[in-house]
Amino acid sequence: MVTPSFIRALPKTETHLHLDGSLPYELLHAWKPETYPAEPFFHAPDYRFPSFPKFDEVLLGHALPWFTSPERYFESARLTFAKHVVANVRYVECSFHLAVAHFINVPVREIVAAVHAAVPPGLTVKLYAGMLRSDYAGPMQAIIDDLVNQDGIAGVDLHGFEPVPTEAWTAPVWARMRSAGKVTKCHAGEFDGPHRVREAIEELGVTRVQHGLRAIEDPVVVALAVGRGVTFDITPISNVRLQVVPNLSAHPLRALMAAGVNCTVSTDDQLVFNNTVLDEYRALADEAGFTRAELAAVASNGWRVAAVPAAVRAAMLADIARLSAADQSA
């Protein structure tokens, strides 16, 4: 039996988190309760977003009014990271929407500094700059090019409505980022098919695919991901709420892991999905029948890809193995 204490005790990672999309809703309610009721409709457990554009409308409609200054980023990140500490998450990779810096006319460095200042002791945070597939234009081009000089940014992430074509600028920019020591990610295999996962791996050169679950529709793409050592940073509750899968029992996470893909589990956008990393693990156990060993494997997968010293990785993996063995013998 998977116990809540076992799930909490596992040293966990969060490797697919949008900071803007994880604005703690309580901040909005405290700020303008007449506009943001205590229980928004989209927090209902049975609510399903009818489309990605509707999801985007709800997300941006709630997040953009808040993020107007570095101080607002600090306050949101501080509370978000505090929830990670409670859940015994030790390592986080999160992104912020780069275009917001342009919209509010704030230097990227100030947002980066504000987020890093919000990190509590004991939590390692790697910050990514997220952008749309169409963002490399106008003033945004210079902002994106300057990311190679941003020491506080660990990498870049291509996100947004996946059926939008990937533009020709992306592959050379992603290559320049890697040459500068940045990690490159791409959202793929969520609202479009396995061919977008192949594109992300073969054309953009990424080894970190955000979502990736629809690769399961093409065994050749799954084999490609395994052969290239690609990690899929999967968000199960998000996948259900956005109707990418009908329920967690039908989620391909277990099948992808069995095929050899390194899969992690994260929350995606906590503002709209009202979830935590603990909720993700509990849902996998309760609704998809994940065993202690499978949840331990999920936790271990996060540490295998985490940008931490080898000694830290070894210690976390040993801790997970110890907890799993002890829990099974109890």
Protein backbone atom coordinates (compact mmCIF):
# COMPACT_ATOMS: atom_id res chain seq x y z
CA MET A 1 0.00 0.00 0.00
CA VAL A 2 1.26 3.46 -0.91
CA THR A 3 0.99 5.68 2.15
CA PRO A 4 0.89 9.49 2.25
CA SER A 5 3.91 9.41 4.55
CA PHE A 6 5.92 7.47 1.97
CA ILE A 7 5.02 9.95 -0.79
CA ARG A 8 5.92 12.91 1.39
CA ALA A 9 9.19 11.37 2.55
CA LEU A 10 10.48 10.81 -0.99
CA PRO A 11 12.97 13.56 -1.92
CA LYS A 12 11.26 14.86 -5.05
CA THR A 13 11.95 17.14 -7.98
CA GLU A 14 9.73 19.43 -10.04
CA THR A 15 11.06 19.83 -13.57
CA HIS A 16 8.09 21.24 -15.51
CA LEU A 17 6.69 24.30 -13.76
CA HIS A 18 5.55 27.60 -15.25
CA LEU A 19 6.07 30.30 -12.62
CA ASP A 20 3.56 32.66 -14.20
CA GLY A 21 1.11 29.79 -14.46
CA SER A 22 1.69 28.82 -10.84
CA LEU A 23 0.82 32.14 -9.26
CA PRO A 24 -0.74 31.18 -5.90
CA TYR A 25 -4.44 31.91 -6.34
CA GLU A 26 -4.68 33.10 -2.76
CA LEU A 27 -2.63 36.16 -3.73
CA LEU A 28 -5.22 37.12 -6.33
CA HIS A 29 -8.11 36.57 -3.93
CA ALA A 30 -6.45 38.64 -1.18
CA TRP A 31 -5.63 41.39 -3.68
CA LYS A 32 -9.05 41.72 -5.34
CA PRO A 33 -11.63 39.42 -3.74
CA GLU A 34 -14.43 41.05 -5.71
CA THR A 35 -12.73 40.00 -8.95
CA TYR A 36 -11.21 36.70 -7.84
CA PRO A 37 -13.66 34.66 -5.73
CA ALA A 38 -12.37 32.22 -3.14
CA GLU A 39 -13.43 29.22 -5.25
CA PRO A 40 -12.97 29.83 -8.99
CA PHE A 41 -14.89 27.60 -11.38
CA PHE A 42 -11.74 26.10 -12.87
CA HIS A 43 -10.61 24.71 -9.50
CA ALA A 44 -13.56 22.31 -9.36
CA PRO A 45 -12.11 18.75 -9.42
CA ASP A 46 -14.35 17.71 -12.30
CA TYR A 47 -13.72 20.78 -14.43
CA ARG A 48 -12.13 20.08 -17.82
CA PHE A 49 -10.84 22.78 -20.13
CA PRO A 50 -12.64 22.46 -23.48
CA SER A 51 -9.58 23.57 -25.47
CA PHE A 52 -6.07 24.93 -25.15
CA PRO A 53 -7.19 28.45 -26.19
CA LYS A 54 -9.76 28.43 -23.34
CA PHE A 55 -7.05 27.27 -20.93
CA ASP A 56 -4.76 30.04 -22.20
CA GLU A 57 -7.53 32.60 -21.78
CA VAL A 58 -8.12 31.63 -18.15
CA LEU A 59 -4.42 31.41 -17.34
CA LEU A 60 -3.36 34.70 -18.91
CA GLY A 61 -6.48 36.47 -17.70
CA HIS A 62 -5.50 35.68 -14.12
CA ALA A 63 -1.70 35.79 -14.30
CA LEU A 64 -0.98 38.89 -16.38
CA PRO A 65 -2.78 41.37 -14.11
CA TRP A 66 -0.52 40.24 -11.25
CA PHE A 67 2.91 40.16 -12.83
CA THR A 68 3.64 43.87 -13.18
CA SER A 69 6.94 44.19 -11.30
CA PRO A 70 9.92 42.21 -9.99
CA GLU A 71 8.40 42.53 -6.52
CA ARG A 72 5.29 40.71 -7.73
CA TYR A 73 7.47 37.93 -9.15
CA PHE A 74 9.28 37.67 -5.82
CA GLU A 75 6.08 37.37 -3.78
CA SER A 76 4.56 34.77 -6.10
CA ALA A 77 7.75 32.71 -6.30
CA ARG A 78 8.27 32.88 -2.54
CA LEU A 79 4.90 31.26 -1.85
CA THR A 80 5.25 28.77 -4.70
CA PHE A 81 8.64 27.60 -3.46
CA ALA A 82 7.35 27.40 0.12
CA LYS A 83 4.81 24.83 -1.07
CA HIS A 84 7.63 22.82 -2.58
CA VAL A 85 9.42 22.73 0.76
CA VAL A 86 6.26 21.43 2.45
CA ALA A 87 6.02 18.67 -0.17
CA ASN A 88 9.69 17.72 0.33
CA VAL A 89 10.60 18.86 -3.16
CA ARG A 90 14.33 19.58 -3.12
CA TYR A 91 14.98 20.62 -6.72
CA VAL A 92 12.92 22.75 -9.12
CA GLU A 93 13.25 23.69 -12.77
CA CYS A 94 10.80 26.48 -13.56
CA SER A 95 10.23 28.90 -16.41
CA PHE A 96 8.82 32.38 -16.72
CA HIS A 97 7.24 33.86 -19.83
CA LEU A 98 10.00 36.02 -21.29
CA ALA A 99 7.65 38.33 -23.17
CA VAL A 100 6.22 39.62 -19.89
CA ALA A 101 9.50 41.46 -19.25
CA HIS A 102 8.95 43.28 -22.53
CA PHE A 103 5.26 43.92 -21.84
CA ILE A 104 5.91 45.54 -18.46
CA ASN A 105 9.19 47.18 -19.54
CA VAL A 106 11.30 45.55 -16.84
CA PRO A 107 14.83 44.27 -17.54
CA VAL A 108 15.02 40.47 -17.60
CA ARG A 109 17.83 40.59 -15.04
CA GLU A 110 15.52 42.18 -12.47
CA ILE A 111 12.93 39.42 -12.83
CA VAL A 112 15.65 36.78 -12.65
CA ALA A 113 17.11 38.34 -9.51
CA ALA A 114 13.68 38.56 -7.88
CA VAL A 115 12.94 34.87 -8.51
CA HIS A 116 16.31 33.72 -7.19
CA ALA A 117 15.91 35.92 -4.11
CA ALA A 118 12.70 34.03 -3.31
CA VAL A 119 14.40 30.62 -3.12
CA PRO A 120 14.36 29.26 0.45
CA PRO A 121 17.28 27.40 2.07
CA GLY A 122 17.43 23.74 1.12
CA LEU A 123 15.78 24.16 -2.28
CA THR A 124 17.75 24.28 -5.54
CA VAL A 125 16.03 26.24 -8.32
CA LYS A 126 17.06 26.44 -11.98
CA LEU A 127 15.28 29.19 -13.89
CA TYR A 128 14.37 28.95 -17.59
CA ALA A 129 13.19 31.59 -20.04
CA GLY A 130 10.04 30.43 -21.79
CA MET A 131 8.89 31.77 -25.13
CA LEU A 132 6.32 31.20 -27.85
CA ARG A 133 7.21 29.76 -31.22
CA SER A 134 6.57 33.18 -32.77
CA ASP A 135 8.47 35.33 -30.25
CA TYR A 136 11.71 35.85 -32.19
CA ALA A 137 10.58 39.11 -33.78
CA GLY A 138 10.82 42.84 -33.13
CA PRO A 139 12.23 43.83 -29.74
CA MET A 140 11.96 40.23 -28.49
CA GLN A 141 14.74 39.13 -30.83
CA ALA A 142 17.37 41.15 -28.93
CA ILE A 143 15.95 39.99 -25.58
CA ILE A 144 16.21 36.34 -26.64
CA ASP A 145 19.71 36.77 -28.07
CA ASP A 146 20.87 38.32 -24.80
CA LEU A 147 19.88 35.23 -22.81
CA VAL A 148 23.35 33.77 -23.41
CA ASN A 149 24.65 36.55 -21.13
CA GLN A 150 22.14 35.89 -18.34
CA ASP A 151 23.98 33.87 -15.68
CA GLY A 152 20.82 33.41 -13.62
CA ILE A 153 19.03 31.62 -16.47
CA ALA A 154 19.82 27.92 -16.82
CA GLY A 155 18.13 27.45 -20.15
CA VAL A 156 15.27 28.13 -22.54
CA ASP A 157 11.91 26.51 -23.19
CA LEU A 158 9.65 26.68 -26.24
CA HIS A 159 6.02 26.59 -25.21
CA GLY A 160 2.53 27.72 -26.21
CA PHE A 161 -0.10 26.29 -28.57
CA GLU A 162 1.68 23.27 -30.02
CA PRO A 163 -0.04 23.06 -33.45
CA VAL A 164 1.65 26.38 -34.32
CA PRO A 165 4.58 25.52 -36.63
CA THR A 166 8.11 25.72 -35.29
CA GLU A 167 9.80 28.60 -37.10
CA ALA A 168 13.19 28.44 -38.83
CA TRP A 169 14.88 30.67 -36.24
CA THR A 170 14.46 28.14 -33.45
CA ALA A 171 17.08 25.50 -34.28
CA PRO A 172 20.02 27.93 -34.69
CA VAL A 173 19.03 29.90 -31.59
CA TRP A 174 18.68 26.68 -29.57
CA ALA A 175 22.12 25.58 -30.82
CA ARG A 176 23.64 28.92 -29.74
CA MET A 177 22.05 28.53 -26.32
CA ARG A 178 23.60 25.10 -25.87
CA SER A 179 26.98 26.43 -27.00
CA ALA A 180 26.69 29.01 -24.22
CA GLY A 181 26.02 26.28 -21.66
CA LYS A 182 22.24 26.65 -21.52
CA VAL A 183 19.83 23.70 -21.43
CA THR A 184 17.23 23.69 -24.20
CA LYS A 185 13.69 22.39 -23.77
CA CYS A 186 10.63 22.19 -25.99
CA HIS A 187 6.94 21.50 -25.37
CA ALA A 188 5.89 18.71 -27.71
CA GLY A 189 3.64 15.68 -27.84
CA GLU A 190 0.76 17.24 -25.90
CA PHE A 191 -1.73 18.83 -28.32
CA ASP A 192 0.03 17.53 -31.39
CA GLY A 193 1.31 14.10 -32.32
CA PRO A 194 4.56 12.17 -32.02
CA HIS A 195 6.00 13.90 -35.09
CA ARG A 196 6.42 17.03 -32.96
CA VAL A 197 8.44 15.04 -30.43
CA ARG A 198 10.63 13.79 -33.28
CA GLU A 199 11.01 17.39 -34.50
CA ALA A 200 12.06 18.58 -31.04
CA ILE A 201 14.68 15.85 -30.76
CA GLU A 202 16.04 15.70 -34.30
CA GLU A 203 15.68 19.30 -35.51
CA LEU A 204 15.95 21.33 -32.30
CA GLY A 205 18.44 19.00 -30.63
CA VAL A 206 16.72 18.91 -27.25
CA THR A 207 17.10 16.15 -24.69
CA ARG A 208 14.34 17.60 -22.52
CA VAL A 209 10.81 17.37 -23.89
CA GLN A 210 8.04 18.99 -21.87
CA HIS A 211 5.10 16.54 -21.96
CA GLY A 212 6.06 14.10 -24.74
CA LEU A 213 3.33 11.64 -23.81
CA ARG A 214 1.90 11.34 -27.33
CA ALA A 215 5.19 9.81 -28.48
CA ILE A 216 3.55 6.59 -27.31
CA GLU A 217 1.55 6.67 -30.56
CA ASP A 218 4.70 5.91 -32.56
CA PRO A 219 7.12 3.23 -31.30
CA VAL A 220 9.84 4.62 -33.57
CA VAL A 221 9.68 7.98 -31.79
CA VAL A 222 9.75 6.26 -28.40
CA ALA A 223 12.86 4.35 -29.50
CA LEU A 224 14.39 7.61 -30.71
CA ALA A 225 13.82 9.21 -27.30
CA VAL A 226 15.34 6.22 -25.53
CA GLY A 227 18.32 6.10 -27.87
CA ARG A 228 19.06 9.81 -27.49
CA GLY A 229 18.63 9.76 -23.71
CA VAL A 230 15.72 12.20 -23.84
CA THR A 231 13.72 12.97 -20.71
CA PHE A 232 9.96 13.59 -20.86
CA ASP A 233 8.87 16.01 -18.11
CA ILE A 234 5.27 14.86 -17.77
CA THR A 235 2.36 16.53 -15.96
CA PRO A 236 -0.38 13.92 -15.37
CA ILE A 237 -3.09 16.06 -13.72
CA SER A 238 -2.64 18.75 -16.36
CA ASN A 239 -2.98 16.12 -19.07
CA VAL A 240 -6.34 15.02 -17.62
CA ARG A 241 -7.68 18.52 -16.99
CA LEU A 242 -6.77 19.55 -20.54
CA GLN A 243 -8.31 16.33 -21.92
CA VAL A 244 -5.09 15.12 -23.52
CA VAL A 245 -5.95 11.81 -21.82
CA PRO A 246 -9.40 10.86 -20.48
CA ASN A 247 -8.13 9.81 -17.06
CA LEU A 248 -4.96 8.72 -15.28
CA SER A 249 -5.69 5.05 -15.83
CA ALA A 250 -5.30 5.72 -19.55
CA HIS A 251 -2.14 7.80 -19.16
CA PRO A 252 0.89 6.41 -21.06
CA LEU A 253 3.40 7.34 -18.32
CA ARG A 254 3.81 3.73 -17.16
CA ALA A 255 4.19 2.46 -20.73
CA LEU A 256 6.78 5.12 -21.58
CA MET A 257 8.81 4.26 -18.48
CA ALA A 258 8.57 0.55 -19.28
CA ALA A 259 9.90 1.32 -22.77
CA GLY A 260 12.95 2.98 -21.21
CA VAL A 261 12.08 6.68 -21.44
CA ASN A 262 13.29 8.70 -18.46
CA CYS A 263 10.02 10.31 -17.31
CA THR A 264 9.63 12.84 -14.52
CA VAL A 265 6.39 14.10 -12.94
CA SER A 266 5.51 17.74 -12.32
CA THR A 267 2.54 20.09 -11.97
CA ASP A 268 2.71 22.42 -15.03
CA ASP A 269 0.43 25.35 -14.02
CA GLN A 270 -0.67 25.25 -10.40
CA LEU A 271 -2.73 28.45 -10.71
CA VAL A 272 -5.34 26.79 -12.91
CA PHE A 273 -4.97 23.12 -11.98
CA ASN A 274 -4.84 23.74 -8.19
CA ASN A 275 -2.29 20.94 -7.75
CA THR A 276 0.96 20.22 -5.94
CA VAL A 277 3.66 17.63 -6.52
CA LEU A 278 2.16 15.62 -3.66
CA ASP A 279 -1.17 15.65 -5.49
CA GLU A 280 0.50 14.30 -8.63
CA TYR A 281 2.07 11.35 -6.78
CA ARG A 282 -1.12 10.63 -4.84
CA ALA A 283 -3.20 10.69 -8.02
CA LEU A 284 -0.83 8.27 -9.73
CA ALA A 285 -1.15 5.93 -6.76
CA ASP A 286 -4.91 6.26 -6.26
CA GLU A 287 -6.12 6.54 -9.85
CA ALA A 288 -3.45 4.79 -11.92
CA GLY A 289 -2.41 2.16 -9.38
CA PHE A 290 1.25 3.17 -9.22
CA THR A 291 3.13 1.08 -6.69
CA ARG A 292 5.76 2.25 -4.20
CA ALA A 293 8.45 1.00 -6.54
CA GLU A 294 6.98 2.90 -9.50
CA LEU A 295 6.69 6.14 -7.53
CA ALA A 296 10.24 5.69 -6.28
CA ALA A 297 11.30 5.27 -9.92
CA VAL A 298 9.53 8.50 -10.85
CA ALA A 299 11.30 10.34 -8.05
CA SER A 300 14.64 8.83 -9.06
CA ASN A 301 14.13 9.88 -12.68
CA GLY A 302 13.92 13.50 -11.60
CA TRP A 303 17.26 13.29 -9.82
CA ARG A 304 18.90 11.58 -12.79
CA VAL A 305 18.29 14.66 -14.91
CA ALA A 306 18.68 17.31 -12.18
CA ALA A 307 21.55 19.77 -12.60
CA VAL A 308 23.15 19.01 -9.24
CA PRO A 309 26.59 17.78 -8.16
CA ALA A 310 27.13 14.04 -8.62
CA ALA A 311 27.39 13.56 -4.85
CA VAL A 312 23.97 15.16 -4.31
CA ARG A 313 22.41 13.01 -7.01
CA ALA A 314 23.90 9.85 -5.51
CA ALA A 315 22.67 10.80 -2.04
CA MET A 316 19.12 11.46 -3.24
CA LEU A 317 18.97 8.22 -5.21
CA ALA A 318 20.27 6.30 -2.20
CA ASP A 319 17.69 7.96 0.03
CA ILE A 320 14.87 7.02 -2.37
CA ALA A 321 16.09 3.41 -2.53
CA ARG A 322 16.29 3.23 1.27
CA LEU A 323 12.77 4.63 1.71
CA SER A 324 11.34 2.29 -0.90
CA ALA A 325 12.98 -0.78 0.66
CA ALA A 326 11.96 0.21 4.18
CA ASP A 327 8.38 0.91 3.16
CA GLN A 328 8.04 -2.44 1.39
CA SER A 329 9.35 -4.37 4.38
CA ALA A 330 7.12 -2.57 6.88
